[in-house]
């Protein structure tokens, strides 16, 4: 079920078809995927330097995916990146 959801999200982001639905599905999926950051942080980061475990690496990968999806969403809905003023 999760694989089908992630495949649908990926196809939506790659093709641009049903983009709003794909982004909505991504939001729902991210709530579930990122919840261990709040609920079980001791399982995600261990050791003296709080290095991420394998599960922690998976969650961090999803944080990067979420940032990329937000950039795609901003681009798709007409927002432009912030530009610095020329000096």
N, C-alpha and C. Protein backbone atom coordinates (compact mmCIF):
# COMPACT_ATOMS: atom_id res chain seq x y z
N UNK A 1 0.83 -1.19 0.00
CA UNK A 1 0.00 0.00 0.00
C UNK A 1 0.88 1.26 0.00
N UNK A 2 1.91 1.25 0.85
CA UNK A 2 2.80 2.41 0.91
C UNK A 2 3.58 2.56 -0.39
N UNK A 3 4.00 1.43 -0.96
CA UNK A 3 4.74 1.47 -2.23
C UNK A 3 3.87 2.04 -3.35
N UNK A 4 2.61 1.67 -3.39
CA UNK A 4 1.69 2.21 -4.40
C UNK A 4 1.49 3.71 -4.20
N UNK A 5 1.38 4.14 -2.95
CA UNK A 5 1.23 5.56 -2.65
C UNK A 5 2.46 6.34 -3.09
N UNK A 6 3.65 5.83 -2.76
CA UNK A 6 4.89 6.52 -3.14
C UNK A 6 5.08 6.52 -4.64
N UNK A 7 4.66 5.45 -5.33
CA UNK A 7 4.75 5.41 -6.78
C UNK A 7 3.83 6.45 -7.41
N UNK A 8 2.62 6.56 -6.90
CA UNK A 8 1.67 7.56 -7.41
C UNK A 8 2.19 8.97 -7.19
N UNK A 9 2.78 9.22 -6.04
CA UNK A 9 3.35 10.54 -5.75
C UNK A 9 4.50 10.84 -6.71
N UNK A 10 5.38 9.86 -6.89
CA UNK A 10 6.53 10.05 -7.78
C UNK A 10 6.10 10.31 -9.21
N UNK A 11 5.14 9.55 -9.71
CA UNK A 11 4.65 9.76 -11.08
C UNK A 11 4.00 11.13 -11.23
N UNK A 12 3.30 11.55 -10.21
CA UNK A 12 2.66 12.87 -10.25
C UNK A 12 3.71 13.98 -10.32
N UNK A 13 4.76 13.86 -9.53
CA UNK A 13 5.80 14.89 -9.53
C UNK A 13 6.62 14.87 -10.82
N UNK A 14 6.85 13.69 -11.37
CA UNK A 14 7.64 13.59 -12.60
C UNK A 14 6.88 14.07 -13.83
N UNK A 15 5.61 13.72 -13.93
CA UNK A 15 4.84 14.05 -15.12
C UNK A 15 4.14 15.39 -15.03
N UNK A 16 3.85 15.84 -13.83
CA UNK A 16 3.12 17.09 -13.67
C UNK A 16 1.61 16.92 -13.77
N UNK A 17 1.16 15.70 -14.04
CA UNK A 17 -0.27 15.42 -14.12
C UNK A 17 -0.80 15.17 -12.71
N UNK A 18 -1.98 15.67 -12.44
CA UNK A 18 -2.61 15.53 -11.12
C UNK A 18 -1.66 15.98 -10.02
N UNK A 19 -0.99 17.10 -10.26
CA UNK A 19 0.04 17.57 -9.33
C UNK A 19 -0.55 17.93 -7.97
N UNK A 20 -1.69 18.56 -7.96
CA UNK A 20 -2.30 18.92 -6.66
C UNK A 20 -2.64 17.68 -5.84
N UNK A 21 -3.18 16.66 -6.51
CA UNK A 21 -3.48 15.42 -5.81
C UNK A 21 -2.20 14.75 -5.31
N UNK A 22 -1.17 14.74 -6.14
CA UNK A 22 0.11 14.14 -5.74
C UNK A 22 0.72 14.85 -4.54
N UNK A 23 0.63 16.17 -4.52
CA UNK A 23 1.16 16.92 -3.39
C UNK A 23 0.33 16.71 -2.13
N UNK A 24 -0.96 16.56 -2.30
CA UNK A 24 -1.82 16.27 -1.14
C UNK A 24 -1.48 14.89 -0.58
N UNK A 25 -1.30 13.92 -1.46
CA UNK A 25 -0.91 12.58 -1.02
C UNK A 25 0.45 12.61 -0.33
N UNK A 26 1.37 13.44 -0.86
CA UNK A 26 2.68 13.56 -0.24
C UNK A 26 2.57 14.14 1.17
N UNK A 27 1.69 15.11 1.34
CA UNK A 27 1.49 15.68 2.67
C UNK A 27 0.98 14.66 3.67
N UNK A 28 0.03 13.85 3.23
CA UNK A 28 -0.50 12.79 4.10
C UNK A 28 0.59 11.77 4.42
N UNK A 29 1.36 11.38 3.41
CA UNK A 29 2.41 10.39 3.62
C UNK A 29 3.50 10.94 4.55
N UNK A 30 3.84 12.21 4.40
CA UNK A 30 4.91 12.79 5.21
C UNK A 30 4.54 12.87 6.69
N UNK A 31 3.27 13.07 6.98
CA UNK A 31 2.85 13.09 8.39
C UNK A 31 3.18 11.75 9.04
N UNK A 32 2.87 10.68 8.35
CA UNK A 32 3.16 9.35 8.88
C UNK A 32 4.64 9.03 8.91
N UNK A 33 5.36 9.43 7.87
CA UNK A 33 6.78 9.09 7.78
C UNK A 33 7.62 9.91 8.76
N UNK A 34 7.25 11.15 8.97
CA UNK A 34 8.05 12.02 9.84
C UNK A 34 7.63 11.95 11.31
N UNK A 35 6.55 11.26 11.62
CA UNK A 35 6.10 11.18 13.01
C UNK A 35 7.13 10.55 13.96
N UNK A 36 7.99 9.63 13.52
CA UNK A 36 9.00 9.11 14.45
C UNK A 36 9.98 10.18 14.96
N UNK A 37 10.15 11.28 14.23
CA UNK A 37 11.01 12.35 14.73
C UNK A 37 10.50 12.90 16.06
N UNK A 38 9.20 12.91 16.22
CA UNK A 38 8.59 13.41 17.44
C UNK A 38 8.34 12.28 18.44
N UNK A 39 7.88 11.14 17.92
CA UNK A 39 7.46 10.05 18.81
C UNK A 39 8.61 9.16 19.29
N UNK A 40 9.61 8.90 18.46
CA UNK A 40 10.68 7.96 18.81
C UNK A 40 12.07 8.48 18.42
N UNK A 41 12.45 9.67 18.85
CA UNK A 41 13.75 10.17 18.42
C UNK A 41 14.93 9.33 18.92
N UNK A 42 14.77 8.65 20.07
CA UNK A 42 15.86 7.83 20.59
C UNK A 42 16.12 6.61 19.72
N UNK A 43 15.14 6.19 18.93
CA UNK A 43 15.32 5.06 18.01
C UNK A 43 15.97 5.50 16.70
N UNK A 44 15.91 6.78 16.39
CA UNK A 44 16.44 7.28 15.13
C UNK A 44 17.88 7.76 15.25
N UNK A 45 18.27 8.22 16.43
CA UNK A 45 19.61 8.77 16.63
C UNK A 45 20.21 8.17 17.88
N UNK A 46 21.38 7.55 17.73
CA UNK A 46 22.03 6.90 18.87
C UNK A 46 23.51 7.21 18.88
N UNK A 47 24.15 6.88 19.98
CA UNK A 47 25.59 7.02 20.11
C UNK A 47 25.96 8.36 20.73
N UNK A 48 27.27 8.52 20.92
CA UNK A 48 27.77 9.73 21.56
C UNK A 48 27.51 10.97 20.70
N UNK A 49 27.57 10.83 19.40
CA UNK A 49 27.35 11.97 18.51
C UNK A 49 25.95 12.00 17.93
N UNK A 50 25.07 11.16 18.45
CA UNK A 50 23.69 11.05 17.96
C UNK A 50 23.66 10.80 16.46
N UNK A 51 24.45 9.83 16.03
CA UNK A 51 24.48 9.46 14.62
C UNK A 51 23.16 8.78 14.27
N UNK A 52 22.67 9.03 13.06
CA UNK A 52 21.39 8.41 12.67
C UNK A 52 21.53 6.90 12.46
N UNK A 53 20.55 6.18 12.92
CA UNK A 53 20.48 4.74 12.66
C UNK A 53 19.96 4.56 11.23
N UNK A 54 19.78 3.32 10.81
CA UNK A 54 19.25 3.07 9.47
C UNK A 54 17.85 3.67 9.33
N UNK A 55 17.04 3.55 10.36
CA UNK A 55 15.71 4.16 10.32
C UNK A 55 15.81 5.69 10.30
N UNK A 56 16.78 6.23 11.03
CA UNK A 56 16.98 7.68 11.03
C UNK A 56 17.41 8.19 9.67
N UNK A 57 18.23 7.41 8.97
CA UNK A 57 18.65 7.80 7.63
C UNK A 57 17.46 7.81 6.68
N UNK A 58 16.55 6.87 6.84
CA UNK A 58 15.35 6.81 6.01
C UNK A 58 14.50 8.06 6.24
N UNK A 59 14.34 8.45 7.49
CA UNK A 59 13.53 9.64 7.80
C UNK A 59 14.22 10.90 7.27
N UNK A 60 15.54 10.98 7.39
CA UNK A 60 16.27 12.14 6.87
C UNK A 60 16.16 12.22 5.34
N UNK A 61 16.17 11.07 4.68
CA UNK A 61 15.96 11.04 3.23
C UNK A 61 14.59 11.62 2.87
N UNK A 62 13.61 11.32 3.69
CA UNK A 62 12.27 11.84 3.44
C UNK A 62 12.17 13.34 3.70
N UNK A 63 12.98 13.86 4.58
CA UNK A 63 13.02 15.32 4.80
C UNK A 63 13.54 16.00 3.52
N UNK A 64 14.56 15.41 2.90
CA UNK A 64 15.09 15.95 1.64
C UNK A 64 14.04 15.85 0.54
N UNK A 65 13.33 14.72 0.48
CA UNK A 65 12.25 14.55 -0.49
C UNK A 65 11.16 15.59 -0.30
N UNK A 66 10.82 15.88 0.93
CA UNK A 66 9.79 16.88 1.22
C UNK A 66 10.25 18.26 0.76
N UNK A 67 11.51 18.61 0.99
CA UNK A 67 12.02 19.90 0.55
C UNK A 67 11.98 20.01 -0.97
N UNK A 68 12.34 18.93 -1.67
CA UNK A 68 12.27 18.95 -3.13
C UNK A 68 10.84 19.08 -3.61
N UNK A 69 9.92 18.40 -2.96
CA UNK A 69 8.51 18.49 -3.35
C UNK A 69 7.95 19.89 -3.11
N UNK A 70 8.39 20.53 -2.05
CA UNK A 70 7.94 21.91 -1.81
C UNK A 70 8.46 22.85 -2.89
N UNK A 71 9.69 22.61 -3.37
CA UNK A 71 10.22 23.42 -4.47
C UNK A 71 9.42 23.19 -5.74
N UNK A 72 9.07 21.94 -6.03
CA UNK A 72 8.24 21.62 -7.20
C UNK A 72 6.87 22.28 -7.05
N UNK A 73 6.30 22.21 -5.88
CA UNK A 73 4.98 22.81 -5.66
C UNK A 73 5.01 24.32 -5.86
N UNK A 74 6.04 24.96 -5.33
CA UNK A 74 6.15 26.41 -5.49
C UNK A 74 6.30 26.77 -6.96
N UNK A 75 7.08 26.00 -7.68
CA UNK A 75 7.26 26.25 -9.11
C UNK A 75 5.96 26.01 -9.88
N UNK A 76 5.26 24.96 -9.54
CA UNK A 76 4.03 24.60 -10.25
C UNK A 76 2.91 25.60 -10.01
N UNK A 77 2.89 26.21 -8.86
CA UNK A 77 1.80 27.12 -8.54
C UNK A 77 2.19 28.57 -8.71
N UNK A 78 3.26 28.84 -9.46
CA UNK A 78 3.57 30.20 -9.88
C UNK A 78 4.45 31.01 -8.95
N UNK A 79 4.98 30.44 -7.92
CA UNK A 79 5.86 31.19 -7.03
C UNK A 79 7.28 31.14 -7.58
N UNK A 80 8.01 32.20 -7.41
CA UNK A 80 9.39 32.24 -7.86
C UNK A 80 10.31 32.24 -6.65
N UNK A 81 11.50 31.68 -6.79
CA UNK A 81 12.45 31.70 -5.67
C UNK A 81 12.82 33.13 -5.30
N UNK A 82 13.16 33.33 -4.05
CA UNK A 82 13.59 34.65 -3.60
C UNK A 82 14.91 35.01 -4.22
N UNK A 83 15.04 36.24 -4.64
CA UNK A 83 16.30 36.71 -5.21
C UNK A 83 16.83 37.80 -4.31
N UNK A 84 18.14 37.85 -4.20
CA UNK A 84 18.74 38.90 -3.39
C UNK A 84 18.83 40.17 -4.23
N UNK A 85 18.77 41.29 -3.56
CA UNK A 85 18.86 42.57 -4.25
C UNK A 85 20.27 42.78 -4.75
N UNK A 86 20.44 43.34 -5.95
CA UNK A 86 21.80 43.62 -6.45
C UNK A 86 22.46 44.71 -5.63
N UNK A 87 23.75 44.59 -5.50
CA UNK A 87 24.49 45.58 -4.70
C UNK A 87 25.16 46.59 -5.58
